[in-house]
Amino acid sequence: MNWIALDSQEQLNQIKSSAGYHAIFKHSTRCPVSMMAKRRFEMGRDEIPQDLPVYYLDLIAFRDVSNAIAEQFNVHHESPQLLLIKDGECIYEASHSDITTEELAEQISLA
């Protein structure tokens, strides 16, 4: 898994208008819970499809993008937070200790 830095609303618009699956991991660089969730997610990277684009948002540095995510995908802001986008719609979101690569993979297989 290679993180794709999400740092602009243009990227977010591209995700929203693209077909297929995209994952967005919202991370607070100041939060130990967020750091633990990120580490756990990275350790389970073999669980998710290799071709899944996984975006990493530093929400401290790019709060405007984080706010746009909440608005465009109609989700409540959380940190850390994982969103699974399919064909421009958020079909799954998890936060804090509920973030797992196993659940992400399962959501992809169910959709």
C-alpha atoms as a PDB file:
ATOM      1  CA  MET A   1       0.000   0.000   0.000  1.00  0.00           C
ATOM      2  CA  ASN A   2       1.313   3.388  -0.981  1.00  0.00           C
ATOM      3  CA  TRP A   3      -0.234   6.408   0.652  1.00  0.00           C
ATOM      4  CA  ILE A   4      -1.412   9.115  -1.747  1.00  0.00           C
ATOM      5  CA  ALA A   5      -1.207  12.517  -0.089  1.00  0.00           C
ATOM      6  CA  LEU A   6      -4.593  14.237  -0.125  1.00  0.00           C
ATOM      7  CA  ASP A   7      -3.912  17.934   0.142  1.00  0.00           C
ATOM      8  CA  SER A   8      -6.321  19.757  -2.158  1.00  0.00           C
ATOM      9  CA  GLN A   9      -9.998  20.074  -2.860  1.00  0.00           C
ATOM     10  CA  GLU A  10      -9.222  19.416  -6.536  1.00  0.00           C
ATOM     11  CA  GLN A  11      -8.077  15.901  -5.580  1.00  0.00           C
ATOM     12  CA  LEU A  12     -11.219  15.467  -3.535  1.00  0.00           C
ATOM     13  CA  ASN A  13     -13.348  16.520  -6.508  1.00  0.00           C
ATOM     14  CA  GLN A  14     -11.484  13.994  -8.655  1.00  0.00           C
ATOM     15  CA  ILE A  15     -12.216  11.210  -6.130  1.00  0.00           C
ATOM     16  CA  LYS A  16     -15.874  12.274  -6.028  1.00  0.00           C
ATOM     17  CA  SER A  17     -16.178  12.125  -9.820  1.00  0.00           C
ATOM     18  CA  SER A  18     -14.213   8.892 -10.363  1.00  0.00           C
ATOM     19  CA  ALA A  19     -15.570   5.408 -10.854  1.00  0.00           C
ATOM     20  CA  GLY A  20     -14.433   2.559  -8.650  1.00  0.00           C
ATOM     21  CA  TYR A  21     -13.155   2.415  -5.087  1.00  0.00           C
ATOM     22  CA  HIS A  22     -11.039   4.922  -3.177  1.00  0.00           C
ATOM     23  CA  ALA A  23     -10.149   4.941   0.521  1.00  0.00           C
ATOM     24  CA  ILE A  24      -9.456   8.081   2.545  1.00  0.00           C
ATOM     25  CA  PHE A  25      -7.636   7.891   5.875  1.00  0.00           C
ATOM     26  CA  LYS A  26      -8.002  11.100   7.898  1.00  0.00           C
ATOM     27  CA  HIS A  27      -5.199  11.425  10.417  1.00  0.00           C
ATOM     28  CA  SER A  28      -4.400  13.889  13.172  1.00  0.00           C
ATOM     29  CA  THR A  29      -0.637  14.152  13.584  1.00  0.00           C
ATOM     30  CA  ARG A  30      -1.198  15.433  17.149  1.00  0.00           C
ATOM     31  CA  CYS A  31      -3.334  12.558  18.409  1.00  0.00           C
ATOM     32  CA  PRO A  32      -1.895   9.338  19.872  1.00  0.00           C
ATOM     33  CA  VAL A  33      -5.126   7.434  19.114  1.00  0.00           C
ATOM     34  CA  SER A  34      -4.857   8.487  15.491  1.00  0.00           C
ATOM     35  CA  MET A  35      -1.210   7.407  15.362  1.00  0.00           C
ATOM     36  CA  MET A  36      -2.111   4.002  16.788  1.00  0.00           C
ATOM     37  CA  ALA A  37      -4.949   3.549  14.278  1.00  0.00           C
ATOM     38  CA  LYS A  38      -2.623   4.512  11.409  1.00  0.00           C
ATOM     39  CA  ARG A  39       0.048   2.040  12.562  1.00  0.00           C
ATOM     40  CA  ARG A  40      -2.516  -0.757  12.883  1.00  0.00           C
ATOM     41  CA  PHE A  41      -3.893   0.080   9.436  1.00  0.00           C
ATOM     42  CA  GLU A  42      -0.415  -0.012   7.897  1.00  0.00           C
ATOM     43  CA  MET A  43       0.349  -3.355   9.556  1.00  0.00           C
ATOM     44  CA  GLY A  44      -2.758  -4.865   7.919  1.00  0.00           C
ATOM     45  CA  ARG A  45      -2.080  -3.475   4.448  1.00  0.00           C
ATOM     46  CA  ASP A  46      -1.890  -6.995   2.963  1.00  0.00           C
ATOM     47  CA  GLU A  47      -5.616  -7.405   3.697  1.00  0.00           C
ATOM     48  CA  ILE A  48      -6.740  -4.779   1.187  1.00  0.00           C
ATOM     49  CA  PRO A  49      -6.597  -4.951  -2.623  1.00  0.00           C
ATOM     50  CA  GLN A  50      -3.246  -3.788  -3.998  1.00  0.00           C
ATOM     51  CA  ASP A  51      -4.933  -1.604  -6.628  1.00  0.00           C
ATOM     52  CA  LEU A  52      -7.076   0.314  -4.110  1.00  0.00           C
ATOM     53  CA  PRO A  53      -6.023   3.984  -4.070  1.00  0.00           C
ATOM     54  CA  VAL A  54      -5.538   4.882  -0.392  1.00  0.00           C
ATOM     55  CA  TYR A  55      -5.403   8.600   0.345  1.00  0.00           C
ATOM     56  CA  TYR A  56      -3.806  10.044   3.465  1.00  0.00           C
ATOM     57  CA  LEU A  57      -5.098  13.352   4.803  1.00  0.00           C
ATOM     58  CA  ASP A  58      -3.130  15.257   7.439  1.00  0.00           C
ATOM     59  CA  LEU A  59      -6.185  17.028   8.780  1.00  0.00           C
ATOM     60  CA  ILE A  60      -4.166  19.433  10.906  1.00  0.00           C
ATOM     61  CA  ALA A  61      -2.395  20.823   7.843  1.00  0.00           C
ATOM     62  CA  PHE A  62      -5.409  20.563   5.522  1.00  0.00           C
ATOM     63  CA  ARG A  63      -8.435  21.245   7.695  1.00  0.00           C
ATOM     64  CA  ASP A  64     -10.274  22.809   4.743  1.00  0.00           C
ATOM     65  CA  VAL A  65     -10.034  19.505   2.855  1.00  0.00           C
ATOM     66  CA  SER A  66     -11.248  17.631   5.930  1.00  0.00           C
ATOM     67  CA  ASN A  67     -14.243  19.956   6.180  1.00  0.00           C
ATOM     68  CA  ALA A  68     -14.966  19.449   2.473  1.00  0.00           C
ATOM     69  CA  ILE A  69     -14.890  15.666   2.973  1.00  0.00           C
ATOM     70  CA  ALA A  70     -17.515  15.923   5.711  1.00  0.00           C
ATOM     71  CA  GLU A  71     -19.698  18.102   3.505  1.00  0.00           C
ATOM     72  CA  GLN A  72     -19.283  16.285   0.170  1.00  0.00           C
ATOM     73  CA  PHE A  73     -19.676  12.778   1.571  1.00  0.00           C
ATOM     74  CA  ASN A  74     -22.218  13.688   4.267  1.00  0.00           C
ATOM     75  CA  VAL A  75     -20.215  12.229   7.158  1.00  0.00           C
ATOM     76  CA  HIS A  76     -19.555  13.587  10.619  1.00  0.00           C
ATOM     77  CA  HIS A  77     -15.933  14.694  11.108  1.00  0.00           C
ATOM     78  CA  GLU A  78     -13.903  12.238  13.181  1.00  0.00           C
ATOM     79  CA  SER A  79     -10.202  11.710  13.742  1.00  0.00           C
ATOM     80  CA  PRO A  80      -8.899   9.259  12.908  1.00  0.00           C
ATOM     81  CA  GLN A  81     -11.426   8.303  10.275  1.00  0.00           C
ATOM     82  CA  LEU A  82     -11.525   5.918   7.319  1.00  0.00           C
ATOM     83  CA  LEU A  83     -13.918   6.369   4.418  1.00  0.00           C
ATOM     84  CA  LEU A  84     -14.536   3.962   1.566  1.00  0.00           C
ATOM     85  CA  ILE A  85     -15.765   5.711  -1.552  1.00  0.00           C
ATOM     86  CA  LYS A  86     -17.384   3.816  -4.425  1.00  0.00           C
ATOM     87  CA  ASP A  87     -18.324   5.635  -7.618  1.00  0.00           C
ATOM     88  CA  GLY A  88     -18.225   8.977  -5.822  1.00  0.00           C
ATOM     89  CA  GLU A  89     -20.348   7.972  -2.821  1.00  0.00           C
ATOM     90  CA  CYS A  90     -19.209   7.110   0.700  1.00  0.00           C
ATOM     91  CA  ILE A  91     -20.412   3.565   1.313  1.00  0.00           C
ATOM     92  CA  TYR A  92     -18.554   2.945   4.583  1.00  0.00           C
ATOM     93  CA  GLU A  93     -16.899   4.961   7.310  1.00  0.00           C
ATOM     94  CA  ALA A  94     -15.187   4.025  10.535  1.00  0.00           C
ATOM     95  CA  SER A  95     -13.358   5.923  13.225  1.00  0.00           C
ATOM     96  CA  HIS A  96     -10.966   5.361  16.089  1.00  0.00           C
ATOM     97  CA  SER A  97     -10.554   1.684  17.053  1.00  0.00           C
ATOM     98  CA  ASP A  98     -13.191   0.581  14.533  1.00  0.00           C
ATOM     99  CA  ILE A  99     -10.720   1.228  11.698  1.00  0.00           C
ATOM    100  CA  THR A 100      -9.450  -2.117  10.413  1.00  0.00           C
ATOM    101  CA  THR A 101      -8.132  -3.334   7.081  1.00  0.00           C
ATOM    102  CA  GLU A 102     -10.146  -6.529   7.518  1.00  0.00           C
ATOM    103  CA  GLU A 103     -13.410  -4.586   7.664  1.00  0.00           C
ATOM    104  CA  LEU A 104     -12.371  -2.420   4.729  1.00  0.00           C
ATOM    105  CA  ALA A 105     -11.647  -5.519   2.642  1.00  0.00           C
ATOM    106  CA  GLU A 106     -14.978  -7.040   3.679  1.00  0.00           C
ATOM    107  CA  GLN A 107     -16.859  -3.890   2.650  1.00  0.00           C
ATOM    108  CA  ILE A 108     -15.224  -4.039  -0.780  1.00  0.00           C
ATOM    109  CA  SER A 109     -16.157  -7.691  -1.204  1.00  0.00           C
ATOM    110  CA  LEU A 110     -19.794  -6.991  -0.209  1.00  0.00           C
ATOM    111  CA  ALA A 111     -20.363  -4.047  -2.531  1.00  0.00           C
END
